[in-house]
Amino acid sequence: MSELKDRQELVRGDQASAVLNNPIYQEAFVMIRARLMEEFQKTKFKQTDERDEVWRKMQTVEWVEKHFKQVMQSGMVSQATLAQRGKQFMKGL
């Protein structure tokens, strides 16, 4: 990966980290999960379509959070790569 790409990934990772660590984001996802679980628990035995829809919503919430975590991890890898390049550069001087 080029240095420019690593720097871009580092910025994206920082932004994803800011979102994941934001108390409002955390509160929102706790509330969304709780509401979806309540919705799921309120379904009757034969309401399979309704349960399936709630399950899909729950999976979407997980997918969104997983994406933020992957971007954050990618940023951490880029940060380590940039640090390593900096060390190699300093050795070459």
N, C-alpha and C. Protein backbone atom coordinates (compact mmCIF):
# COMPACT_ATOMS: atom_id res chain seq x y z
N MET A 1 0.84 -1.17 0.00
CA MET A 1 0.00 0.00 0.00
C MET A 1 0.89 1.24 0.00
N SER A 2 0.49 2.26 -0.72
CA SER A 2 1.29 3.48 -0.79
C SER A 2 1.13 4.28 0.50
N GLU A 3 2.05 5.18 0.71
CA GLU A 3 2.00 6.01 1.91
C GLU A 3 0.73 6.86 1.92
N LEU A 4 0.34 7.38 0.77
CA LEU A 4 -0.89 8.19 0.68
C LEU A 4 -2.10 7.35 1.08
N LYS A 5 -2.17 6.14 0.56
CA LYS A 5 -3.29 5.24 0.90
C LYS A 5 -3.29 4.92 2.39
N ASP A 6 -2.11 4.68 2.96
CA ASP A 6 -2.02 4.41 4.40
C ASP A 6 -2.52 5.62 5.20
N ARG A 7 -2.14 6.80 4.78
CA ARG A 7 -2.58 8.01 5.50
C ARG A 7 -4.10 8.18 5.40
N GLN A 8 -4.65 7.89 4.22
CA GLN A 8 -6.10 7.97 4.05
C GLN A 8 -6.81 6.95 4.95
N GLU A 9 -6.27 5.74 5.00
CA GLU A 9 -6.86 4.71 5.86
C GLU A 9 -6.74 5.07 7.33
N LEU A 10 -5.65 5.71 7.69
CA LEU A 10 -5.46 6.17 9.07
C LEU A 10 -6.52 7.20 9.44
N VAL A 11 -6.78 8.15 8.55
CA VAL A 11 -7.81 9.17 8.80
C VAL A 11 -9.18 8.51 8.91
N ARG A 12 -9.48 7.61 7.99
CA ARG A 12 -10.78 6.91 8.05
C ARG A 12 -10.90 6.11 9.34
N GLY A 13 -9.82 5.47 9.75
CA GLY A 13 -9.83 4.71 11.00
C GLY A 13 -10.08 5.59 12.20
N ASP A 14 -9.46 6.77 12.21
CA ASP A 14 -9.69 7.73 13.29
C ASP A 14 -11.14 8.18 13.32
N GLN A 15 -11.70 8.41 12.15
CA GLN A 15 -13.10 8.84 12.07
C GLN A 15 -14.04 7.73 12.56
N ALA A 16 -13.76 6.50 12.17
CA ALA A 16 -14.58 5.37 12.61
C ALA A 16 -14.47 5.20 14.12
N SER A 17 -13.27 5.37 14.65
CA SER A 17 -13.06 5.27 16.09
C SER A 17 -13.84 6.34 16.82
N ALA A 18 -13.85 7.56 16.28
CA ALA A 18 -14.60 8.65 16.90
C ALA A 18 -16.09 8.32 16.96
N VAL A 19 -16.60 7.71 15.90
CA VAL A 19 -18.02 7.33 15.89
C VAL A 19 -18.27 6.23 16.91
N LEU A 20 -17.46 5.19 16.88
CA LEU A 20 -17.66 4.06 17.79
C LEU A 20 -17.54 4.45 19.26
N ASN A 21 -16.70 5.42 19.55
CA ASN A 21 -16.50 5.85 20.93
C ASN A 21 -17.39 7.01 21.34
N ASN A 22 -18.23 7.47 20.43
CA ASN A 22 -19.14 8.57 20.71
C ASN A 22 -20.29 8.06 21.59
N PRO A 23 -20.52 8.70 22.74
CA PRO A 23 -21.58 8.24 23.64
C PRO A 23 -22.97 8.23 23.01
N ILE A 24 -23.26 9.18 22.13
CA ILE A 24 -24.57 9.22 21.47
C ILE A 24 -24.72 8.01 20.54
N TYR A 25 -23.67 7.70 19.80
CA TYR A 25 -23.69 6.51 18.94
C TYR A 25 -23.92 5.26 19.79
N GLN A 26 -23.17 5.13 20.85
CA GLN A 26 -23.30 3.96 21.71
C GLN A 26 -24.70 3.86 22.29
N GLU A 27 -25.24 4.97 22.75
CA GLU A 27 -26.60 4.99 23.31
C GLU A 27 -27.62 4.58 22.25
N ALA A 28 -27.47 5.13 21.05
CA ALA A 28 -28.41 4.82 19.97
C ALA A 28 -28.42 3.34 19.64
N PHE A 29 -27.25 2.74 19.56
CA PHE A 29 -27.21 1.33 19.20
C PHE A 29 -27.73 0.43 20.33
N VAL A 30 -27.52 0.84 21.57
CA VAL A 30 -28.08 0.08 22.69
C VAL A 30 -29.61 0.14 22.62
N MET A 31 -30.13 1.34 22.38
CA MET A 31 -31.59 1.51 22.29
C MET A 31 -32.18 0.75 21.10
N ILE A 32 -31.52 0.82 19.98
CA ILE A 32 -32.02 0.13 18.78
C ILE A 32 -32.05 -1.38 19.03
N ARG A 33 -30.97 -1.91 19.59
CA ARG A 33 -30.93 -3.35 19.87
C ARG A 33 -32.02 -3.75 20.86
N ALA A 34 -32.21 -2.93 21.89
CA ALA A 34 -33.23 -3.25 22.89
C ALA A 34 -34.63 -3.24 22.27
N ARG A 35 -34.90 -2.24 21.46
CA ARG A 35 -36.23 -2.16 20.81
C ARG A 35 -36.46 -3.32 19.86
N LEU A 36 -35.43 -3.69 19.12
CA LEU A 36 -35.58 -4.82 18.21
C LEU A 36 -35.80 -6.12 18.98
N MET A 37 -35.12 -6.27 20.10
CA MET A 37 -35.31 -7.47 20.91
C MET A 37 -36.73 -7.51 21.48
N GLU A 38 -37.23 -6.37 21.92
CA GLU A 38 -38.62 -6.30 22.40
C GLU A 38 -39.59 -6.67 21.29
N GLU A 39 -39.35 -6.11 20.11
CA GLU A 39 -40.20 -6.42 18.95
C GLU A 39 -40.19 -7.92 18.68
N PHE A 40 -39.00 -8.50 18.72
CA PHE A 40 -38.85 -9.93 18.46
C PHE A 40 -39.62 -10.75 19.51
N GLN A 41 -39.48 -10.37 20.76
CA GLN A 41 -40.12 -11.12 21.84
C GLN A 41 -41.64 -10.99 21.82
N LYS A 42 -42.16 -9.94 21.25
CA LYS A 42 -43.60 -9.73 21.19
C LYS A 42 -44.28 -10.53 20.08
N THR A 43 -43.49 -11.08 19.18
CA THR A 43 -44.11 -11.84 18.08
C THR A 43 -44.70 -13.13 18.60
N LYS A 44 -45.77 -13.54 17.97
CA LYS A 44 -46.44 -14.79 18.31
C LYS A 44 -45.79 -15.93 17.54
N PHE A 45 -46.06 -17.13 17.97
CA PHE A 45 -45.44 -18.33 17.40
C PHE A 45 -45.54 -18.38 15.88
N LYS A 46 -46.70 -18.06 15.32
CA LYS A 46 -46.90 -18.20 13.87
C LYS A 46 -46.51 -16.94 13.09
N GLN A 47 -45.97 -15.95 13.74
CA GLN A 47 -45.58 -14.72 13.05
C GLN A 47 -44.14 -14.80 12.53
N THR A 48 -43.90 -15.80 11.74
CA THR A 48 -42.53 -16.01 11.25
C THR A 48 -42.04 -14.87 10.35
N ASP A 49 -42.92 -14.31 9.54
CA ASP A 49 -42.51 -13.21 8.66
C ASP A 49 -42.07 -12.01 9.49
N GLU A 50 -42.82 -11.71 10.54
CA GLU A 50 -42.47 -10.58 11.40
C GLU A 50 -41.14 -10.83 12.12
N ARG A 51 -40.95 -12.03 12.62
CA ARG A 51 -39.69 -12.36 13.29
C ARG A 51 -38.52 -12.30 12.32
N ASP A 52 -38.74 -12.80 11.11
CA ASP A 52 -37.68 -12.74 10.09
C ASP A 52 -37.29 -11.30 9.78
N GLU A 53 -38.28 -10.42 9.72
CA GLU A 53 -38.00 -9.01 9.43
C GLU A 53 -37.21 -8.37 10.57
N VAL A 54 -37.58 -8.66 11.80
CA VAL A 54 -36.84 -8.13 12.95
C VAL A 54 -35.41 -8.69 12.93
N TRP A 55 -35.27 -9.96 12.63
CA TRP A 55 -33.94 -10.58 12.56
C TRP A 55 -33.08 -9.87 11.51
N ARG A 56 -33.67 -9.57 10.36
CA ARG A 56 -32.92 -8.86 9.31
C ARG A 56 -32.47 -7.48 9.80
N LYS A 57 -33.35 -6.80 10.52
CA LYS A 57 -32.98 -5.50 11.08
C LYS A 57 -31.83 -5.64 12.07
N MET A 58 -31.88 -6.65 12.90
CA MET A 58 -30.81 -6.87 13.87
C MET A 58 -29.49 -7.16 13.16
N GLN A 59 -29.56 -7.92 12.10
CA GLN A 59 -28.34 -8.23 11.34
C GLN A 59 -27.78 -6.97 10.68
N THR A 60 -28.66 -6.08 10.22
CA THR A 60 -28.21 -4.83 9.61
C THR A 60 -27.48 -3.97 10.63
N VAL A 61 -28.03 -3.89 11.84
CA VAL A 61 -27.38 -3.11 12.90
C VAL A 61 -25.99 -3.68 13.16
N GLU A 62 -25.88 -4.99 13.24
CA GLU A 62 -24.57 -5.63 13.47
C GLU A 62 -23.63 -5.37 12.30
N TRP A 63 -24.16 -5.41 11.09
CA TRP A 63 -23.33 -5.19 9.89
C TRP A 63 -22.74 -3.78 9.90
N VAL A 64 -23.57 -2.78 10.26
CA VAL A 64 -23.10 -1.40 10.31
C VAL A 64 -21.97 -1.25 11.33
N GLU A 65 -22.19 -1.79 12.52
CA GLU A 65 -21.16 -1.68 13.56
C GLU A 65 -19.89 -2.43 13.16
N LYS A 66 -20.06 -3.58 12.56
CA LYS A 66 -18.89 -4.35 12.10
C LYS A 66 -18.09 -3.56 11.07
N HIS A 67 -18.79 -2.86 10.19
CA HIS A 67 -18.10 -2.06 9.17
C HIS A 67 -17.24 -0.98 9.84
N PHE A 68 -17.81 -0.26 10.81
CA PHE A 68 -17.03 0.75 11.52
C PHE A 68 -15.80 0.13 12.18
N LYS A 69 -15.97 -1.03 12.78
CA LYS A 69 -14.85 -1.69 13.45
C LYS A 69 -13.77 -2.11 12.45
N GLN A 70 -14.19 -2.58 11.28
CA GLN A 70 -13.22 -2.97 10.26
C GLN A 70 -12.44 -1.76 9.75
N VAL A 71 -13.12 -0.64 9.55
CA VAL A 71 -12.44 0.58 9.11
C VAL A 71 -11.46 1.03 10.18
N MET A 72 -11.88 0.96 11.44
CA MET A 72 -11.00 1.34 12.54
C MET A 72 -9.77 0.44 12.59
N GLN A 73 -9.95 -0.86 12.42
CA GLN A 73 -8.83 -1.80 12.42
C GLN A 73 -7.89 -1.52 11.26
N SER A 74 -8.45 -1.24 10.10
CA SER A 74 -7.62 -0.92 8.93
C SER A 74 -6.77 0.32 9.21
N GLY A 75 -7.36 1.29 9.88
CA GLY A 75 -6.61 2.50 10.25
C GLY A 75 -5.48 2.19 11.21
N MET A 76 -5.71 1.26 12.13
CA MET A 76 -4.66 0.88 13.08
C MET A 76 -3.51 0.18 12.36
N VAL A 77 -3.85 -0.66 11.38
CA VAL A 77 -2.81 -1.34 10.60
C VAL A 77 -2.01 -0.30 9.81
N SER A 78 -2.69 0.65 9.21
CA SER A 78 -2.01 1.70 8.46
C SER A 78 -1.12 2.54 9.37
N GLN A 79 -1.58 2.81 10.58
CA GLN A 79 -0.77 3.56 11.54
C GLN A 79 0.52 2.81 11.86
N ALA A 80 0.41 1.50 12.07
CA ALA A 80 1.59 0.69 12.35
C ALA A 80 2.53 0.66 11.14
N THR A 81 1.96 0.57 9.96
CA THR A 81 2.76 0.56 8.73
C THR A 81 3.51 1.88 8.58
N LEU A 82 2.82 2.98 8.80
CA LEU A 82 3.47 4.29 8.70
C LEU A 82 4.56 4.45 9.75
N ALA A 83 4.33 3.96 10.94
CA ALA A 83 5.34 4.04 12.01
C ALA A 83 6.57 3.23 11.62
N GLN A 84 6.35 2.06 11.04
CA GLN A 84 7.46 1.20 10.62
C GLN A 84 8.25 1.87 9.50
N ARG A 85 7.54 2.49 8.56
CA ARG A 85 8.23 3.21 7.48
C ARG A 85 9.07 4.35 8.05
N GLY A 86 8.54 5.03 9.04
CA GLY A 86 9.27 6.13 9.67
C GLY A 86 10.55 5.63 10.34
N LYS A 87 10.47 4.48 11.00
CA LYS A 87 11.65 3.90 11.64
C LYS A 87 12.69 3.52 10.59
N GLN A 88 12.24 2.92 9.50
CA GLN A 88 13.15 2.52 8.44
C GLN A 88 13.82 3.75 7.82
N PHE A 89 13.04 4.83 7.66
CA PHE A 89 13.58 6.05 7.10
C PHE A 89 14.66 6.62 8.01
N MET A 90 14.39 6.61 9.32
CA MET A 90 15.36 7.17 10.27
C MET A 90 16.65 6.32 10.31
N LYS A 91 16.53 5.02 10.11
CA LYS A 91 17.72 4.16 10.07
C LYS A 91 18.58 4.48 8.86
N GLY A 92 17.91 4.88 7.78
CA GLY A 92 18.62 5.16 6.54
C GLY A 92 19.38 6.49 6.56
N LEU A 93 19.10 7.33 7.54
CA LEU A 93 19.78 8.63 7.59
C LEU A 93 21.16 8.55 8.15
